[in-house]
Amino acid sequence: MLRILYKSKIHKATITQARMDYEGSIGIDAELMESAELLPNEKVQVLNLNTGARFETYVIKESPGSGTICLYGPAAHLGKAGEKVFIISYCFITQMKNTFRTNIS
């Protein structure tokens, strides 16, 4: 059985730009991408803490050290500069029977 699990998250990133002049994606500072183990073109889910908007898109690498978090294209309607977002990536995992444990008592 394949399961989808949370892989990494950029927590409370601040949107620095929202630009309509692109087909749609999220630009992320290359250093932040590396720390969150994100690859260019990787699918991510973006959650806007200010508006409650949730959407999926793909990652574009921005200049390292720039601090850029830019919503491009249609995604630019779902957030504006200064708003906080979570950027979450997931992975597929093959689950063998009884291999996951919880801390629930």
N, C-alpha and C. Protein backbone atom coordinates (compact mmCIF):
# COMPACT_ATOMS: atom_id res chain seq x y z
N MET A 1 0.85 -1.17 0.00
CA MET A 1 0.00 0.00 0.00
C MET A 1 0.89 1.24 0.00
N LEU A 2 0.53 2.22 -0.81
CA LEU A 2 1.24 3.50 -0.79
C LEU A 2 0.50 4.47 0.12
N ARG A 3 1.25 5.20 0.90
CA ARG A 3 0.71 6.24 1.77
C ARG A 3 1.40 7.55 1.43
N ILE A 4 0.66 8.65 1.59
CA ILE A 4 1.25 9.97 1.40
C ILE A 4 1.53 10.54 2.78
N LEU A 5 2.81 10.89 3.03
CA LEU A 5 3.21 11.41 4.33
C LEU A 5 3.87 12.78 4.19
N TYR A 6 3.72 13.58 5.21
CA TYR A 6 4.38 14.88 5.30
C TYR A 6 5.88 14.65 5.24
N LYS A 7 6.57 15.41 4.37
CA LYS A 7 8.02 15.28 4.24
C LYS A 7 8.75 16.46 4.87
N SER A 8 8.32 17.68 4.52
CA SER A 8 9.00 18.86 5.05
C SER A 8 8.06 20.07 5.01
N LYS A 9 8.45 21.11 5.76
CA LYS A 9 7.62 22.31 5.81
C LYS A 9 8.49 23.54 6.03
N ILE A 10 8.15 24.61 5.32
CA ILE A 10 8.70 25.92 5.64
C ILE A 10 7.60 26.60 6.44
N HIS A 11 7.88 26.87 7.69
CA HIS A 11 6.89 27.32 8.68
C HIS A 11 6.84 28.84 8.77
N LYS A 12 5.67 29.42 8.56
CA LYS A 12 5.42 30.85 8.68
C LYS A 12 6.37 31.70 7.83
N ALA A 13 6.54 31.30 6.57
CA ALA A 13 7.30 32.12 5.63
C ALA A 13 6.48 33.37 5.31
N THR A 14 7.15 34.47 5.06
CA THR A 14 6.46 35.72 4.71
C THR A 14 6.50 35.89 3.20
N ILE A 15 5.33 36.06 2.60
CA ILE A 15 5.27 36.34 1.16
C ILE A 15 5.94 37.68 0.91
N THR A 16 6.88 37.71 -0.01
CA THR A 16 7.60 38.95 -0.33
C THR A 16 7.05 39.62 -1.58
N GLN A 17 6.43 38.84 -2.48
CA GLN A 17 5.87 39.37 -3.72
C GLN A 17 4.71 38.51 -4.17
N ALA A 18 3.80 39.11 -4.94
CA ALA A 18 2.75 38.38 -5.65
C ALA A 18 2.68 39.00 -7.04
N ARG A 19 3.01 38.19 -8.06
CA ARG A 19 3.12 38.71 -9.42
C ARG A 19 2.26 37.88 -10.37
N MET A 20 1.40 38.55 -11.12
CA MET A 20 0.52 37.88 -12.06
C MET A 20 1.25 37.47 -13.35
N ASP A 21 2.43 37.98 -13.60
CA ASP A 21 3.10 37.80 -14.89
C ASP A 21 3.86 36.47 -15.03
N TYR A 22 3.24 35.37 -14.66
CA TYR A 22 3.84 34.06 -14.85
C TYR A 22 2.72 33.04 -14.89
N GLU A 23 2.99 31.85 -15.41
CA GLU A 23 1.91 30.87 -15.57
C GLU A 23 1.43 30.25 -14.26
N GLY A 24 2.17 30.41 -13.21
CA GLY A 24 1.69 29.92 -11.91
C GLY A 24 2.67 29.04 -11.19
N SER A 25 3.07 29.44 -10.01
CA SER A 25 4.01 28.67 -9.19
C SER A 25 4.34 29.48 -7.94
N ILE A 26 5.27 28.96 -7.15
CA ILE A 26 5.77 29.71 -6.00
C ILE A 26 7.30 29.74 -6.09
N GLY A 27 7.86 30.92 -6.06
CA GLY A 27 9.31 31.08 -6.05
C GLY A 27 9.79 31.08 -4.61
N ILE A 28 10.83 30.28 -4.34
CA ILE A 28 11.36 30.15 -2.98
C ILE A 28 12.87 30.31 -3.02
N ASP A 29 13.40 31.09 -2.10
CA ASP A 29 14.84 31.27 -1.92
C ASP A 29 15.52 29.89 -1.95
N ALA A 30 16.57 29.75 -2.75
CA ALA A 30 17.28 28.48 -2.91
C ALA A 30 17.79 27.91 -1.59
N GLU A 31 18.20 28.78 -0.66
CA GLU A 31 18.68 28.29 0.65
C GLU A 31 17.54 27.70 1.47
N LEU A 32 16.36 28.33 1.40
CA LEU A 32 15.19 27.77 2.09
C LEU A 32 14.80 26.43 1.46
N MET A 33 14.87 26.37 0.13
CA MET A 33 14.57 25.11 -0.55
C MET A 33 15.49 23.99 -0.07
N GLU A 34 16.77 24.30 0.02
CA GLU A 34 17.73 23.29 0.45
C GLU A 34 17.44 22.83 1.87
N SER A 35 17.16 23.77 2.77
CA SER A 35 16.91 23.39 4.17
C SER A 35 15.62 22.57 4.32
N ALA A 36 14.65 22.80 3.43
CA ALA A 36 13.40 22.04 3.48
C ALA A 36 13.42 20.83 2.53
N GLU A 37 14.58 20.57 1.92
CA GLU A 37 14.74 19.45 0.99
C GLU A 37 13.73 19.50 -0.14
N LEU A 38 13.52 20.70 -0.71
CA LEU A 38 12.63 20.88 -1.85
C LEU A 38 13.44 20.95 -3.13
N LEU A 39 12.90 20.40 -4.19
CA LEU A 39 13.55 20.45 -5.50
C LEU A 39 12.79 21.38 -6.43
N PRO A 40 13.46 21.97 -7.42
CA PRO A 40 12.74 22.75 -8.42
C PRO A 40 11.66 21.87 -9.07
N ASN A 41 10.50 22.44 -9.31
CA ASN A 41 9.34 21.78 -9.91
C ASN A 41 8.63 20.80 -8.97
N GLU A 42 9.07 20.69 -7.71
CA GLU A 42 8.39 19.80 -6.77
C GLU A 42 7.02 20.38 -6.41
N LYS A 43 6.05 19.50 -6.33
CA LYS A 43 4.69 19.91 -5.94
C LYS A 43 4.66 20.21 -4.45
N VAL A 44 4.04 21.34 -4.10
CA VAL A 44 3.88 21.72 -2.69
C VAL A 44 2.46 22.19 -2.45
N GLN A 45 2.07 22.15 -1.20
CA GLN A 45 0.80 22.73 -0.76
C GLN A 45 1.15 24.00 0.00
N VAL A 46 0.42 25.08 -0.28
CA VAL A 46 0.65 26.36 0.38
C VAL A 46 -0.60 26.70 1.18
N LEU A 47 -0.41 27.02 2.46
CA LEU A 47 -1.50 27.39 3.35
C LEU A 47 -1.28 28.81 3.81
N ASN A 48 -2.22 29.71 3.50
CA ASN A 48 -2.11 31.11 3.87
C ASN A 48 -2.72 31.29 5.25
N LEU A 49 -1.88 31.67 6.21
CA LEU A 49 -2.36 31.83 7.60
C LEU A 49 -3.27 33.05 7.76
N ASN A 50 -3.16 34.04 6.88
CA ASN A 50 -3.98 35.24 6.99
C ASN A 50 -5.38 35.06 6.42
N THR A 51 -5.49 34.34 5.30
CA THR A 51 -6.78 34.22 4.61
C THR A 51 -7.42 32.85 4.71
N GLY A 52 -6.64 31.85 5.07
CA GLY A 52 -7.15 30.47 5.09
C GLY A 52 -7.08 29.79 3.74
N ALA A 53 -6.62 30.48 2.71
CA ALA A 53 -6.51 29.87 1.37
C ALA A 53 -5.52 28.72 1.41
N ARG A 54 -5.84 27.66 0.68
CA ARG A 54 -4.96 26.49 0.54
C ARG A 54 -4.91 26.16 -0.94
N PHE A 55 -3.71 25.94 -1.47
CA PHE A 55 -3.60 25.58 -2.87
C PHE A 55 -2.34 24.78 -3.11
N GLU A 56 -2.31 24.09 -4.24
CA GLU A 56 -1.14 23.32 -4.63
C GLU A 56 -0.52 23.97 -5.85
N THR A 57 0.81 23.92 -5.90
CA THR A 57 1.54 24.48 -7.03
C THR A 57 2.90 23.79 -7.07
N TYR A 58 3.83 24.34 -7.84
CA TYR A 58 5.16 23.77 -7.92
C TYR A 58 6.21 24.85 -7.62
N VAL A 59 7.39 24.41 -7.24
CA VAL A 59 8.45 25.29 -6.76
C VAL A 59 9.36 25.76 -7.89
N ILE A 60 9.69 27.05 -7.86
CA ILE A 60 10.72 27.64 -8.72
C ILE A 60 11.82 28.15 -7.80
N LYS A 61 13.07 27.87 -8.15
CA LYS A 61 14.21 28.30 -7.34
C LYS A 61 14.49 29.78 -7.57
N GLU A 62 14.55 30.53 -6.48
CA GLU A 62 14.93 31.95 -6.51
C GLU A 62 16.38 32.09 -6.03
N SER A 63 16.95 33.25 -6.16
CA SER A 63 18.35 33.50 -5.78
C SER A 63 18.61 33.13 -4.33
N PRO A 64 19.73 32.42 -4.06
CA PRO A 64 20.06 32.07 -2.68
C PRO A 64 20.31 33.31 -1.84
N GLY A 65 19.78 33.29 -0.62
CA GLY A 65 19.96 34.40 0.31
C GLY A 65 19.04 35.58 0.06
N SER A 66 18.17 35.48 -0.95
CA SER A 66 17.27 36.59 -1.28
C SER A 66 16.10 36.71 -0.32
N GLY A 67 15.75 35.60 0.34
CA GLY A 67 14.58 35.59 1.21
C GLY A 67 13.27 35.60 0.46
N THR A 68 13.32 35.40 -0.85
CA THR A 68 12.14 35.50 -1.69
C THR A 68 11.15 34.37 -1.46
N ILE A 69 9.90 34.75 -1.27
CA ILE A 69 8.75 33.86 -1.32
C ILE A 69 7.76 34.60 -2.21
N CYS A 70 7.66 34.19 -3.48
CA CYS A 70 6.86 34.93 -4.45
C CYS A 70 5.77 34.04 -5.03
N LEU A 71 4.53 34.50 -4.97
CA LEU A 71 3.43 33.82 -5.62
C LEU A 71 3.31 34.36 -7.04
N TYR A 72 3.31 33.45 -8.01
CA TYR A 72 3.24 33.84 -9.42
C TYR A 72 1.92 33.40 -10.04
N GLY A 73 1.50 34.12 -11.08
CA GLY A 73 0.33 33.74 -11.85
C GLY A 73 -0.93 33.70 -11.01
N PRO A 74 -1.83 32.74 -11.28
CA PRO A 74 -3.09 32.67 -10.54
C PRO A 74 -2.91 32.58 -9.02
N ALA A 75 -1.81 31.98 -8.55
CA ALA A 75 -1.56 31.89 -7.11
C ALA A 75 -1.42 33.27 -6.47
N ALA A 76 -1.06 34.28 -7.29
CA ALA A 76 -0.90 35.64 -6.77
C ALA A 76 -2.22 36.21 -6.24
N HIS A 77 -3.33 35.63 -6.65
CA HIS A 77 -4.64 36.05 -6.12
C HIS A 77 -4.89 35.50 -4.71
N LEU A 78 -4.07 34.53 -4.29
CA LEU A 78 -4.31 33.84 -3.03
C LEU A 78 -3.42 34.29 -1.89
N GLY A 79 -2.65 35.34 -2.11
CA GLY A 79 -1.80 35.89 -1.06
C GLY A 79 -1.16 37.17 -1.53
N LYS A 80 -0.76 37.99 -0.55
CA LYS A 80 -0.09 39.25 -0.89
C LYS A 80 1.12 39.44 0.02
N ALA A 81 2.00 40.34 -0.40
CA ALA A 81 3.22 40.60 0.37
C ALA A 81 2.87 40.90 1.82
N GLY A 82 3.63 40.30 2.72
CA GLY A 82 3.46 40.50 4.15
C GLY A 82 2.66 39.39 4.82
N GLU A 83 1.90 38.61 4.05
CA GLU A 83 1.12 37.53 4.66
C GLU A 83 2.02 36.33 4.94
N LYS A 84 1.63 35.55 5.92
CA LYS A 84 2.40 34.37 6.34
C LYS A 84 1.81 33.11 5.71
N VAL A 85 2.71 32.20 5.30
CA VAL A 85 2.28 30.93 4.72
C VAL A 85 3.09 29.77 5.28
N PHE A 86 2.48 28.60 5.25
CA PHE A 86 3.18 27.33 5.42
C PHE A 86 3.35 26.77 4.02
N ILE A 87 4.52 26.22 3.73
CA ILE A 87 4.76 25.55 2.45
C ILE A 87 5.12 24.11 2.80
N ILE A 88 4.27 23.18 2.39
CA ILE A 88 4.39 21.79 2.83
C ILE A 88 4.64 20.88 1.63
N SER A 89 5.58 19.95 1.80
CA SER A 89 5.79 18.92 0.78
C SER A 89 5.49 17.55 1.39
N TYR A 90 5.14 16.63 0.52
CA TYR A 90 4.76 15.28 0.93
C TYR A 90 5.56 14.27 0.12
N CYS A 91 5.56 13.03 0.54
CA CYS A 91 6.20 11.97 -0.22
C CYS A 91 5.33 10.72 -0.16
N PHE A 92 5.52 9.85 -1.12
CA PHE A 92 4.85 8.56 -1.11
C PHE A 92 5.75 7.55 -0.44
N ILE A 93 5.15 6.70 0.38
CA ILE A 93 5.90 5.69 1.12
C ILE A 93 5.16 4.37 0.98
N THR A 94 5.90 3.31 0.82
CA THR A 94 5.29 1.99 0.80
C THR A 94 5.18 1.52 2.24
N GLN A 95 3.97 1.19 2.65
CA GLN A 95 3.77 0.73 4.03
C GLN A 95 3.64 -0.77 4.05
N MET A 96 4.47 -1.38 4.86
CA MET A 96 4.34 -2.80 5.12
C MET A 96 3.41 -2.94 6.33
N LYS A 97 2.70 -4.00 6.40
CA LYS A 97 1.74 -4.21 7.49
C LYS A 97 2.40 -4.03 8.85
N ASN A 98 1.75 -3.25 9.72
CA ASN A 98 2.19 -3.02 11.10
C ASN A 98 3.55 -2.33 11.23
N THR A 99 3.95 -1.52 10.25
CA THR A 99 5.26 -0.87 10.36
C THR A 99 5.17 0.51 10.99
N PHE A 100 3.98 1.10 11.07
CA PHE A 100 3.85 2.41 11.69
C PHE A 100 3.30 2.26 13.10
N ARG A 101 3.88 2.99 14.00
CA ARG A 101 3.45 2.98 15.39
C ARG A 101 3.04 4.39 15.79
N THR A 102 2.17 4.51 16.75
CA THR A 102 1.78 5.81 17.27
C THR A 102 2.08 5.87 18.76
N ASN A 103 2.03 7.06 19.32
CA ASN A 103 2.25 7.25 20.75
C ASN A 103 0.93 7.34 21.50
N ILE A 104 -0.14 6.89 20.87
CA ILE A 104 -1.46 6.96 21.51
C ILE A 104 -1.56 5.85 22.54
N SER A 105 -1.99 6.22 23.76
CA SER A 105 -2.13 5.21 24.82
C SER A 105 -3.53 4.67 24.85
